[in-house]
Amino acid sequence: MANPVQFIQQVRSEVSKVVWPTRREVLLTTVMVFIMATLTAIFFALVDLGIRAGLQGILGMFG
């Protein structure tokens, strides 16, 4: 078990090594996440419509 003072010194040393993203990087990655989420939602909505149309066609033949 390490000395609490040594532990805090080690934590500060490790935190100082962290490279924080710039405001521009955060903005770009946030925009990319929203774009990808939108594209994914559109894709699955189209797949859902296709499956629904297919099932209605199949069930319409038997009903």
C-alpha atoms as a PDB file:
ATOM      1  CA  MET A   1       0.000   0.000   0.000  1.00  0.00           C
ATOM      2  CA  ALA A   2       1.447   3.336  -1.031  1.00  0.00           C
ATOM      3  CA  ASN A   3       1.724   6.395   1.117  1.00  0.00           C
ATOM      4  CA  PRO A   4      -1.293   8.698   0.479  1.00  0.00           C
ATOM      5  CA  VAL A   5       1.020  11.625  -0.305  1.00  0.00           C
ATOM      6  CA  GLN A   6       2.921   9.535  -2.857  1.00  0.00           C
ATOM      7  CA  PHE A   7      -0.364   8.379  -4.345  1.00  0.00           C
ATOM      8  CA  ILE A   8      -1.571  11.961  -4.856  1.00  0.00           C
ATOM      9  CA  GLN A   9       1.787  12.891  -6.389  1.00  0.00           C
ATOM     10  CA  GLN A  10       1.537   9.966  -8.794  1.00  0.00           C
ATOM     11  CA  VAL A  11      -2.029  10.888  -9.721  1.00  0.00           C
ATOM     12  CA  ARG A  12      -0.997  14.487 -10.451  1.00  0.00           C
ATOM     13  CA  SER A  13       1.914  13.215 -12.522  1.00  0.00           C
ATOM     14  CA  GLU A  14      -0.360  10.970 -14.600  1.00  0.00           C
ATOM     15  CA  VAL A  15      -3.031  13.651 -15.066  1.00  0.00           C
ATOM     16  CA  SER A  16      -0.401  16.051 -16.352  1.00  0.00           C
ATOM     17  CA  LYS A  17       0.368  13.538 -19.149  1.00  0.00           C
ATOM     18  CA  VAL A  18      -3.223  13.629 -20.434  1.00  0.00           C
ATOM     19  CA  VAL A  19      -3.625  15.389 -23.773  1.00  0.00           C
ATOM     20  CA  TRP A  20      -6.970  17.146 -23.664  1.00  0.00           C
ATOM     21  CA  PRO A  21      -8.839  17.704 -26.939  1.00  0.00           C
ATOM     22  CA  THR A  22      -9.187  21.207 -28.309  1.00  0.00           C
ATOM     23  CA  ARG A  23     -12.548  22.922 -28.571  1.00  0.00           C
ATOM     24  CA  ARG A  24     -12.476  22.367 -32.354  1.00  0.00           C
ATOM     25  CA  GLU A  25     -11.816  18.624 -31.950  1.00  0.00           C
ATOM     26  CA  VAL A  26     -14.694  18.287 -29.492  1.00  0.00           C
ATOM     27  CA  LEU A  27     -17.023  20.191 -31.825  1.00  0.00           C
ATOM     28  CA  LEU A  28     -16.036  18.102 -34.856  1.00  0.00           C
ATOM     29  CA  THR A  29     -16.427  14.776 -33.093  1.00  0.00           C
ATOM     30  CA  THR A  30     -19.788  15.868 -31.640  1.00  0.00           C
ATOM     31  CA  VAL A  31     -21.050  16.844 -35.094  1.00  0.00           C
ATOM     32  CA  MET A  32     -19.797  13.537 -36.528  1.00  0.00           C
ATOM     33  CA  VAL A  33     -21.641  11.594 -33.811  1.00  0.00           C
ATOM     34  CA  PHE A  34     -24.888  13.412 -34.619  1.00  0.00           C
ATOM     35  CA  ILE A  35     -24.422  12.810 -38.352  1.00  0.00           C
ATOM     36  CA  MET A  36     -23.707   9.111 -37.874  1.00  0.00           C
ATOM     37  CA  ALA A  37     -26.658   8.727 -35.480  1.00  0.00           C
ATOM     38  CA  THR A  38     -28.939  10.381 -38.040  1.00  0.00           C
ATOM     39  CA  LEU A  39     -27.674   8.187 -40.875  1.00  0.00           C
ATOM     40  CA  THR A  40     -28.096   5.084 -38.731  1.00  0.00           C
ATOM     41  CA  ALA A  41     -31.657   6.083 -37.804  1.00  0.00           C
ATOM     42  CA  ILE A  42     -32.515   6.648 -41.474  1.00  0.00           C
ATOM     43  CA  PHE A  43     -30.993   3.298 -42.454  1.00  0.00           C
ATOM     44  CA  PHE A  44     -32.958   1.357 -39.845  1.00  0.00           C
ATOM     45  CA  ALA A  45     -36.170   3.229 -40.693  1.00  0.00           C
ATOM     46  CA  LEU A  46     -35.751   2.186 -44.338  1.00  0.00           C
ATOM     47  CA  VAL A  47     -35.008  -1.414 -43.340  1.00  0.00           C
ATOM     48  CA  ASP A  48     -38.103  -1.383 -41.131  1.00  0.00           C
ATOM     49  CA  LEU A  49     -40.251  -0.077 -43.993  1.00  0.00           C
ATOM     50  CA  GLY A  50     -38.873  -2.766 -46.303  1.00  0.00           C
ATOM     51  CA  ILE A  51     -39.555  -5.566 -43.844  1.00  0.00           C
ATOM     52  CA  ARG A  52     -43.036  -4.218 -43.152  1.00  0.00           C
ATOM     53  CA  ALA A  53     -43.862  -4.032 -46.877  1.00  0.00           C
ATOM     54  CA  GLY A  54     -42.505  -7.542 -47.406  1.00  0.00           C
ATOM     55  CA  LEU A  55     -44.524  -8.996 -44.559  1.00  0.00           C
ATOM     56  CA  GLN A  56     -47.683  -7.227 -45.659  1.00  0.00           C
ATOM     57  CA  GLY A  57     -47.172  -8.623 -49.163  1.00  0.00           C
ATOM     58  CA  ILE A  58     -46.634 -12.156 -47.876  1.00  0.00           C
ATOM     59  CA  LEU A  59     -49.563 -11.989 -45.453  1.00  0.00           C
ATOM     60  CA  GLY A  60     -51.751 -10.411 -48.147  1.00  0.00           C
ATOM     61  CA  MET A  61     -51.281 -13.485 -50.329  1.00  0.00           C
ATOM     62  CA  PHE A  62     -52.636 -15.746 -47.569  1.00  0.00           C
ATOM     63  CA  GLY A  63     -55.286 -13.504 -46.158  1.00  0.00           C
END
